[in-house]
Amino acid sequence: MEESHLAAGSGYRGRVNFDAYARTAVDLVNAGLDDLAGLLALFADDELDYMREHVVEKDLATFRRAQRRLREVFEYGTAGRDADAVRELNALLEAFPVQPRISGHDASDWHMHVTSRGSSVSVEYLAGAVWGLAVWLCEYGSARFGICADERCGNVYLDTSSNNCRRFCSERCATRSHVAAHRARKRAVLNNLAPLGGVSPL
């Protein structure tokens, strides 16, 4: 979902990649924010690396609160509570408003960012993440906000499947869940075959 801002008759090719912003929301919800090191790991992507040097301890509390609220958006989506997801995203958009800016070095690579270099890393990161997720909802609906069906995981994801049939955040979780289900069915069959008293047939 990439929105073009190409003006007619001009050479401007700037684009805002809302998918990328939405994925930062997913990364935040799935992040381990037990300490500052966990928060710093959130900025491993090359495009976010410049933020790392500006992260301070007080950002951690802001990210934790936003993480809980964004998870609620995904919970609302998977429960079919579209209006609640919209309400929470609107509240987050108000708390972390976007401030568009032109970025780049010269006329050959000018492009738009939906956030400005704000007063803190949390403000800049969260404005983009919330905006991206809000655009995603308007484009595809909150039913595309998924929570991994593997009960040992719980990570969230954006469902990009053609028929909205995705149930797991990754192939690893899907395989693990399918193997566990297969083993459970096999145990159930064996238990049903065992005679009373627990003595196995000869």
Protein backbone atom coordinates (compact mmCIF):
# COMPACT_ATOMS: atom_id res chain seq x y z
CA MET A 1 0.00 0.00 0.00
CA GLU A 2 2.18 2.78 -1.25
CA GLU A 3 0.63 6.17 -1.91
CA SER A 4 2.09 8.20 -4.75
CA HIS A 5 2.32 11.96 -4.52
CA LEU A 6 3.40 12.48 -8.13
CA ALA A 7 2.07 15.81 -9.34
CA ALA A 8 0.92 16.05 -12.94
CA GLY A 9 3.56 17.53 -15.21
CA SER A 10 6.30 17.40 -12.61
CA GLY A 11 9.30 15.20 -12.00
CA TYR A 12 8.51 14.70 -8.31
CA ARG A 13 8.52 11.01 -7.37
CA GLY A 14 8.20 11.23 -3.57
CA ARG A 15 6.19 8.47 -1.92
CA VAL A 16 4.97 7.68 1.55
CA ASN A 17 5.19 3.96 2.23
CA PHE A 18 2.34 3.47 4.67
CA ASP A 19 3.00 -0.27 4.80
CA ALA A 20 6.40 0.43 6.33
CA TYR A 21 4.89 2.71 8.96
CA ALA A 22 2.20 0.13 9.77
CA ARG A 23 4.88 -2.52 10.20
CA THR A 24 6.61 -0.37 12.82
CA ALA A 25 3.38 -0.61 14.84
CA VAL A 26 3.50 -4.41 14.54
CA ASP A 27 7.18 -4.42 15.56
CA LEU A 28 6.38 -2.34 18.62
CA VAL A 29 3.52 -4.57 19.80
CA ASN A 30 5.75 -7.64 19.40
CA ALA A 31 8.81 -6.07 21.03
CA GLY A 32 10.20 -7.10 24.38
CA LEU A 33 10.27 -3.88 26.40
CA ASP A 34 11.53 -5.23 29.71
CA ASP A 35 14.42 -2.78 29.68
CA LEU A 36 16.16 -0.12 27.62
CA ALA A 37 18.09 -2.75 25.66
CA GLY A 38 14.80 -4.20 24.46
CA LEU A 39 13.66 -0.78 23.31
CA LEU A 40 16.92 -0.16 21.47
CA ALA A 41 16.44 -3.43 19.58
CA LEU A 42 13.32 -1.89 18.07
CA PHE A 43 15.54 0.43 16.02
CA ALA A 44 17.66 -2.27 14.38
CA ASP A 45 16.31 -1.42 10.92
CA ASP A 46 18.69 0.76 8.91
CA GLU A 47 15.98 3.39 8.33
CA LEU A 48 15.43 3.74 12.08
CA ASP A 49 19.04 3.44 13.17
CA TYR A 50 19.43 7.21 13.50
CA MET A 51 16.92 7.15 16.38
CA ARG A 52 18.99 4.83 18.55
CA GLU A 53 21.41 7.50 19.73
CA HIS A 54 18.51 9.67 20.88
CA VAL A 55 16.66 7.05 22.96
CA VAL A 56 16.51 7.89 26.66
CA GLU A 57 15.17 6.02 29.68
CA LYS A 58 11.93 8.02 29.87
CA ASP A 59 11.00 6.88 26.34
CA LEU A 60 10.56 3.35 27.68
CA ALA A 61 7.42 4.17 29.69
CA THR A 62 5.84 5.94 26.70
CA PHE A 63 6.53 2.99 24.40
CA ARG A 64 5.14 0.52 26.94
CA ARG A 65 1.87 2.44 27.23
CA ALA A 66 1.56 2.74 23.46
CA GLN A 67 2.38 -0.96 23.09
CA ARG A 68 -0.58 -1.91 25.31
CA ARG A 69 -2.94 0.40 23.45
CA LEU A 70 -1.84 -0.81 20.02
CA ARG A 71 -2.31 -4.42 21.12
CA GLU A 72 -5.87 -3.50 22.04
CA VAL A 73 -6.39 -2.30 18.47
CA PHE A 74 -5.35 -5.74 17.20
CA GLU A 75 -7.57 -7.45 19.79
CA TYR A 76 -10.53 -5.35 18.67
CA GLY A 77 -9.82 -6.21 15.04
CA THR A 78 -9.65 -9.96 15.61
CA ALA A 79 -12.86 -9.80 17.67
CA GLY A 80 -14.73 -7.98 14.89
CA ARG A 81 -15.02 -4.80 16.97
CA ASP A 82 -14.20 -2.44 14.13
CA ALA A 83 -15.70 0.66 15.76
CA ASP A 84 -13.62 0.11 18.91
CA ALA A 85 -10.45 -0.25 16.84
CA VAL A 86 -11.26 3.03 15.09
CA ARG A 87 -11.99 4.77 18.37
CA GLU A 88 -8.66 3.69 19.88
CA LEU A 89 -6.70 4.63 16.77
CA ASN A 90 -8.34 8.05 16.67
CA ALA A 91 -7.31 8.60 20.30
CA LEU A 92 -3.75 7.56 19.45
CA LEU A 93 -3.70 9.84 16.40
CA GLU A 94 -4.64 12.71 18.68
CA ALA A 95 -1.95 11.78 21.20
CA PHE A 96 0.73 11.37 18.51
CA PRO A 97 -0.16 13.68 15.60
CA VAL A 98 1.77 13.47 12.35
CA GLN A 99 3.99 16.31 11.19
CA PRO A 100 4.83 15.75 7.50
CA ARG A 101 8.26 16.77 6.28
CA ILE A 102 10.32 16.56 3.13
CA SER A 103 13.44 14.44 3.51
CA GLY A 104 16.45 13.65 1.31
CA HIS A 105 19.59 15.36 0.11
CA ASP A 106 18.80 16.92 -3.26
CA ALA A 107 16.26 17.04 -6.09
CA SER A 108 17.07 13.45 -7.08
CA ASP A 109 15.73 11.88 -3.88
CA TRP A 110 13.30 14.25 -2.17
CA HIS A 111 10.56 12.23 -0.48
CA MET A 112 7.92 12.63 2.19
CA HIS A 113 7.98 11.40 5.77
CA VAL A 114 4.80 11.62 7.80
CA THR A 115 6.66 12.56 10.97
CA SER A 116 9.09 15.30 11.79
CA ARG A 117 12.12 15.10 14.03
CA GLY A 118 10.08 15.63 17.17
CA SER A 119 11.02 16.49 20.70
CA SER A 120 11.54 12.81 21.52
CA VAL A 121 12.12 9.48 19.82
CA SER A 122 8.81 8.18 21.16
CA VAL A 123 6.82 11.04 19.59
CA GLU A 124 8.45 10.56 16.19
CA TYR A 125 8.24 6.76 16.12
CA LEU A 126 4.70 6.52 17.45
CA ALA A 127 3.27 9.19 15.16
CA GLY A 128 4.42 7.19 12.14
CA ALA A 129 3.35 3.82 13.57
CA VAL A 130 -0.15 4.97 14.50
CA TRP A 131 -0.63 6.80 11.19
CA GLY A 132 0.46 3.76 9.20
CA LEU A 133 -1.90 1.48 11.11
CA ALA A 134 -4.77 3.94 10.70
CA VAL A 135 -4.25 4.10 6.93
CA TRP A 136 -4.07 0.30 6.83
CA LEU A 137 -7.43 0.07 8.64
CA CYS A 138 -9.07 2.51 6.21
CA GLU A 139 -7.67 0.57 3.26
CA TYR A 140 -8.34 -3.01 4.39
CA GLY A 141 -10.47 -2.95 7.56
CA SER A 142 -9.52 -3.99 11.07
CA ALA A 143 -10.27 -7.66 10.29
CA ARG A 144 -6.79 -7.67 8.75
CA PHE A 145 -5.28 -7.08 12.20
CA GLY A 146 -4.29 -10.56 13.37
CA ILE A 147 -3.07 -12.21 16.56
CA CYS A 148 -1.08 -15.42 16.16
CA ALA A 149 -3.23 -18.53 16.72
CA ASP A 150 -0.30 -20.32 18.35
CA GLU A 151 -1.15 -19.97 22.04
CA ARG A 152 2.53 -20.01 22.95
CA CYS A 153 3.21 -16.95 20.79
CA GLY A 154 0.64 -14.14 20.83
CA ASN A 155 2.48 -11.92 18.36
CA VAL A 156 0.40 -9.66 16.13
CA TYR A 157 0.59 -9.35 12.35
CA LEU A 158 -1.03 -7.66 9.36
CA ASP A 159 -2.90 -10.16 7.19
CA THR A 160 -1.86 -9.63 3.58
CA SER A 161 -3.37 -12.89 2.29
CA SER A 162 -5.72 -12.66 -0.68
CA ASN A 163 -8.75 -14.01 1.20
CA ASN A 164 -8.02 -12.91 4.79
CA CYS A 165 -7.26 -16.48 5.87
CA ARG A 166 -3.96 -16.06 7.70
CA ARG A 167 -3.91 -17.38 11.29
CA PHE A 168 -0.25 -17.29 12.33
CA CYS A 169 2.39 -14.58 12.54
CA SER A 170 5.04 -16.75 10.87
CA GLU A 171 5.67 -20.07 9.14
CA ARG A 172 7.51 -21.21 12.25
CA CYS A 173 4.43 -20.74 14.45
CA ALA A 174 2.17 -22.36 11.86
CA THR A 175 4.41 -25.43 11.64
CA ARG A 176 4.77 -25.71 15.40
CA SER A 177 1.02 -25.46 15.92
CA HIS A 178 0.22 -28.00 13.20
CA VAL A 179 2.76 -30.48 14.61
CA ALA A 180 1.31 -30.04 18.11
CA ALA A 181 -2.23 -30.58 16.80
CA HIS A 182 -1.14 -33.70 14.90
CA ARG A 183 0.50 -35.16 18.00
CA ALA A 184 -2.59 -34.39 20.08
CA ARG A 185 -4.82 -36.19 17.58
CA LYS A 186 -2.45 -39.17 17.56
CA ARG A 187 -2.50 -39.38 21.36
CA ALA A 188 -6.30 -39.21 21.36
CA VAL A 189 -6.51 -42.13 18.91
CA LEU A 190 -4.08 -44.22 20.98
CA ASN A 191 -5.99 -43.46 24.17
CA ASN A 192 -9.23 -44.56 22.54
CA LEU A 193 -7.63 -47.83 21.44
CA ALA A 194 -6.31 -48.68 24.92
CA PRO A 195 -8.54 -51.21 26.77
CA LEU A 196 -9.98 -50.54 30.23
CA GLY A 197 -7.39 -50.82 32.96
CA GLY A 198 -4.72 -49.23 30.79
CA VAL A 199 -3.28 -52.56 29.56
CA SER A 200 -2.10 -52.29 25.99
CA PRO A 201 -3.30 -54.96 23.56
CA LEU A 202 -0.78 -57.66 22.70
